[in-house]
N, C-alpha and C. Protein backbone atom coordinates (compact mmCIF):
# COMPACT_ATOMS: atom_id res chain seq x y z
N MET A 1 21.78 193.87 213.68
CA MET A 1 21.64 194.36 215.14
C MET A 1 23.76 194.09 215.08
N ALA A 2 24.02 194.52 215.92
CA ALA A 2 25.37 194.97 216.18
C ALA A 2 25.54 194.07 217.41
N VAL A 3 27.21 194.09 217.43
CA VAL A 3 27.45 193.39 219.09
C VAL A 3 27.17 194.23 219.89
N SER A 4 26.60 193.36 220.70
CA SER A 4 25.96 194.16 222.12
C SER A 4 27.05 194.52 223.09
N LYS A 5 26.88 195.84 223.63
CA LYS A 5 27.62 196.93 224.63
C LYS A 5 28.01 195.56 225.74
N GLU A 6 26.75 194.99 226.27
CA GLU A 6 27.33 194.26 227.57
C GLU A 6 28.41 193.09 226.95
N LEU A 7 28.39 192.87 225.74
CA LEU A 7 29.19 191.63 225.13
C LEU A 7 30.71 192.36 225.10
N LEU A 8 30.48 193.48 224.28
CA LEU A 8 32.00 194.28 224.26
C LEU A 8 32.49 194.53 225.73
N GLU A 9 32.30 194.70 226.46
CA GLU A 9 32.50 194.70 227.92
C GLU A 9 33.43 193.62 228.48
N ILE A 10 33.01 192.29 228.00
CA ILE A 10 33.82 191.20 228.79
C ILE A 10 34.83 190.73 227.73
N LEU A 11 34.67 191.19 226.36
CA LEU A 11 35.63 190.19 225.35
C LEU A 11 37.15 190.93 225.71
N VAL A 12 37.76 189.66 225.60
CA VAL A 12 39.36 190.18 225.67
C VAL A 12 39.94 189.35 224.34
N CYS A 13 41.13 189.88 224.35
CA CYS A 13 41.88 189.09 223.09
C CYS A 13 42.43 187.74 223.52
N PRO A 14 41.87 186.58 223.06
CA PRO A 14 42.39 185.06 223.23
C PRO A 14 43.75 185.20 223.51
N LEU A 15 44.67 185.92 222.97
CA LEU A 15 46.17 185.25 223.08
C LEU A 15 46.85 186.24 224.24
N CYS A 16 46.56 187.72 224.55
CA CYS A 16 47.09 188.54 225.42
C CYS A 16 46.12 188.59 226.44
N LYS A 17 44.82 188.40 226.35
CA LYS A 17 43.93 188.81 227.50
C LYS A 17 43.85 190.35 227.58
N THR A 18 43.76 191.00 226.37
CA THR A 18 43.72 192.52 226.78
C THR A 18 42.25 192.89 226.18
N PRO A 19 41.54 193.98 226.73
CA PRO A 19 40.01 194.08 226.22
C PRO A 19 40.24 194.62 224.96
N VAL A 20 39.32 194.09 224.03
CA VAL A 20 39.17 194.45 222.63
C VAL A 20 38.20 195.48 222.54
N ARG A 21 38.38 196.35 221.07
CA ARG A 21 37.66 197.38 221.02
C ARG A 21 37.16 197.28 219.67
N LEU A 22 35.80 197.58 219.26
CA LEU A 22 35.40 197.72 217.82
C LEU A 22 36.21 198.37 217.25
N THR A 23 36.46 198.21 215.65
CA THR A 23 37.22 199.03 214.77
C THR A 23 36.35 200.14 214.36
N PRO A 24 36.82 200.98 213.77
CA PRO A 24 36.13 201.94 213.00
C PRO A 24 35.26 202.00 212.23
N ASP A 25 35.05 200.55 211.12
CA ASP A 25 34.39 200.38 210.33
C ASP A 25 33.09 199.35 211.03
N ASN A 26 33.40 198.75 212.12
CA ASN A 26 32.38 198.09 212.96
C ASN A 26 32.47 196.76 212.56
N HIS A 27 33.73 196.44 211.65
CA HIS A 27 33.47 194.84 211.11
C HIS A 27 34.60 194.07 211.87
N GLY A 28 35.35 194.64 212.88
CA GLY A 28 36.31 193.92 213.67
C GLY A 28 36.43 194.31 214.88
N LEU A 29 37.33 193.62 215.77
CA LEU A 29 37.18 193.74 217.03
C LEU A 29 39.05 193.81 217.49
N LYS A 30 39.48 195.03 217.57
CA LYS A 30 41.06 195.17 217.81
C LYS A 30 41.46 195.27 219.11
N CYS A 31 42.87 194.71 219.22
CA CYS A 31 43.57 194.47 220.51
C CYS A 31 44.71 195.45 220.54
N SER A 32 44.80 196.10 221.49
CA SER A 32 45.71 197.24 221.54
C SER A 32 47.00 197.09 221.85
N THR A 33 47.31 195.72 222.31
CA THR A 33 48.30 195.05 222.68
C THR A 33 49.31 194.67 221.41
N CYS A 34 48.21 193.77 221.30
CA CYS A 34 49.08 192.49 219.80
C CYS A 34 48.61 193.18 218.63
N HIS A 35 47.56 193.93 218.53
CA HIS A 35 47.20 194.88 217.35
C HIS A 35 46.30 193.20 216.05
N ARG A 36 46.01 192.76 217.11
CA ARG A 36 45.28 191.83 215.91
C ARG A 36 43.73 192.05 215.87
N VAL A 37 43.15 191.84 214.82
CA VAL A 37 41.49 192.46 214.57
C VAL A 37 40.79 191.31 214.45
N TYR A 38 39.82 190.64 215.21
CA TYR A 38 39.34 189.98 215.52
C TYR A 38 37.55 190.35 214.46
N PRO A 39 37.40 189.27 213.34
CA PRO A 39 36.56 189.65 212.46
C PRO A 39 35.01 189.23 213.12
N ILE A 40 34.32 190.29 212.93
CA ILE A 40 32.50 189.83 213.36
C ILE A 40 32.04 189.52 212.08
N ARG A 41 31.46 188.65 211.78
CA ARG A 41 30.66 187.66 210.83
C ARG A 41 29.09 187.71 211.44
N ASP A 42 28.08 188.01 210.63
CA ASP A 42 26.63 188.20 211.01
C ASP A 42 26.63 188.53 212.39
N ASP A 43 27.23 189.70 212.78
CA ASP A 43 27.41 189.78 214.22
C ASP A 43 27.38 189.19 215.06
N ILE A 44 28.69 188.18 215.09
CA ILE A 44 29.07 187.16 215.90
C ILE A 44 30.51 187.35 215.94
N PRO A 45 31.04 187.65 217.17
CA PRO A 45 32.81 187.91 216.95
C PRO A 45 33.58 186.76 216.90
N VAL A 46 34.30 186.62 216.06
CA VAL A 46 35.22 185.17 216.15
C VAL A 46 36.48 185.45 216.68
N MET A 47 36.24 184.94 217.75
CA MET A 47 37.66 185.32 218.71
C MET A 47 38.78 184.04 218.57
N LEU A 48 38.82 183.84 217.35
CA LEU A 48 40.04 182.59 217.13
C LEU A 48 41.53 183.23 216.72
N VAL A 49 42.34 183.31 217.25
CA VAL A 49 43.67 183.71 216.81
C VAL A 49 44.03 183.26 215.33
N ASP A 50 43.47 182.20 214.89
CA ASP A 50 43.94 181.94 213.52
C ASP A 50 43.31 183.01 212.40
N GLU A 51 42.05 183.11 212.87
CA GLU A 51 41.29 183.83 212.08
C GLU A 51 41.33 185.47 211.74
N ALA A 52 42.13 186.25 213.26
CA ALA A 52 42.56 187.24 213.29
C ALA A 52 43.55 187.71 212.48
N ARG A 53 43.49 188.92 212.13
CA ARG A 53 44.69 189.43 211.16
C ARG A 53 45.39 190.60 211.94
N ILE A 54 46.75 190.75 211.74
CA ILE A 54 47.47 191.73 212.39
C ILE A 54 47.63 192.95 211.69
N GLU A 55 47.32 193.85 212.43
CA GLU A 55 47.19 195.15 211.84
C GLU A 55 47.65 196.41 212.39
N ALA A 56 48.54 197.06 211.58
CA ALA A 56 49.25 198.44 212.61
C ALA A 56 48.40 199.21 213.21
N GLU A 57 48.99 199.92 214.03
CA GLU A 57 48.14 200.71 214.85
C GLU A 57 47.27 201.78 213.80
């Protein structure tokens, strides 16, 4: 089971408060402002800044 649509609608980046969106491979949630990608592990988003990686656009 993937991350629910309802959850995706309310999740924001914990650092800059911008809404996040699924990455093309569905393995992370990306912030379009600070370019951090938060991992999804066992269908649970890990919304910790220390766990995120910074990815170019």
